[in-house]
Protein backbone atom coordinates (compact mmCIF):
# COMPACT_ATOMS: atom_id res chain seq x y z
CA MET A 1 83.49 104.79 109.05
CA ASP A 2 82.08 101.67 107.41
CA ALA A 3 81.12 102.08 103.74
CA ASP A 4 80.68 99.96 100.63
CA VAL A 5 80.91 100.55 96.91
CA LYS A 6 77.82 102.38 95.55
CA ASP A 7 77.00 103.94 98.94
CA ARG A 8 76.55 107.71 98.84
CA ILE A 9 78.82 109.96 100.85
CA VAL A 10 77.67 113.41 101.94
CA VAL A 11 80.27 115.89 103.14
CA GLU A 12 79.16 118.86 105.21
CA SER A 13 80.86 122.19 104.64
CA GLU A 14 83.14 123.44 107.40
CA ARG A 15 82.54 127.06 106.37
CA ALA A 16 79.36 129.08 106.67
CA GLY A 17 77.94 130.08 103.32
CA GLN A 18 79.71 127.29 101.45
CA SER A 19 77.69 124.30 100.33
CA GLY A 20 78.72 120.74 101.04
CA ARG A 21 79.07 118.06 98.40
CA ALA A 22 77.94 114.53 97.76
CA GLY A 23 78.88 111.62 95.56
CA VAL A 24 78.98 107.87 95.10
CA ILE A 25 81.77 105.68 96.45
CA GLU A 26 83.36 103.93 93.47
CA GLU A 27 86.08 102.09 95.43
CA VAL A 28 86.95 101.50 99.08
CA LEU A 29 90.72 101.89 99.31
CA ALA A 30 90.93 101.44 103.11
CA GLN A 31 88.49 101.16 106.02
CA ASP A 32 90.75 102.26 108.86
CA PRO A 33 91.59 105.05 108.36
CA PRO A 34 88.86 105.48 105.72
CA ARG A 35 89.91 106.30 102.15
CA PHE A 36 87.49 106.20 99.24
CA ARG A 37 87.54 106.87 95.52
CA VAL A 38 84.45 109.04 95.04
CA ARG A 39 82.63 110.20 91.91
CA TRP A 40 81.15 113.51 93.02
CA ASP A 41 77.76 114.70 91.78
CA ASP A 42 79.50 117.31 89.59
CA GLY A 43 81.21 114.47 87.64
CA ARG A 44 84.67 114.85 89.13
CA MET A 45 86.44 111.96 90.81
CA SER A 46 88.88 112.10 93.72
CA ILE A 47 90.34 110.08 96.56
CA PHE A 48 88.75 111.25 99.79
CA ALA A 49 89.84 110.65 103.38
CA PRO A 50 87.12 112.10 105.63
CA SER A 51 88.11 113.69 108.91
CA ALA A 52 86.07 113.14 112.06
CA GLY A 53 82.47 114.28 111.86
CA VAL A 54 82.46 115.92 108.42
CA ALA A 55 80.92 113.11 106.35
CA ARG A 56 78.06 110.67 106.57
CA ILE A 57 77.34 107.51 104.60
CA GLU A 58 73.94 106.87 103.05
CA ARG A 59 73.65 103.16 102.38
CA ARG A 60 72.51 102.12 98.93
CA LYS A 61 69.29 100.23 98.82
CA ARG A 62 70.01 96.54 98.44
CA GLU A 63 68.04 94.72 95.76
CA ARG A 64 65.88 91.92 97.05
CA VAL A 65 66.16 88.61 95.26
CA LYS A 66 62.93 86.69 94.79
CA ALA A 67 63.14 83.04 95.79
C-alpha cells in the first residue's frame, strides 16, 4: 500500500451495521508492511497498520506550480 503524508485513508468496516472511518495520514512510519500515523476525522490520532483489503488511499491533490 503506497501512501504519502496528507493522503486520506478510508477504512471500511468489517462488521455490518458499523460505519467505517477516515482520516489524514500525518506520518508514514513504514511502507512494507504499511504503518501510518493517522489523524482521524473525529480528531483522534493513532498508529494504523491496515490489513489486506480493508483500507484505501485517496491521493491528495497536488498543487500545480506556475512557471
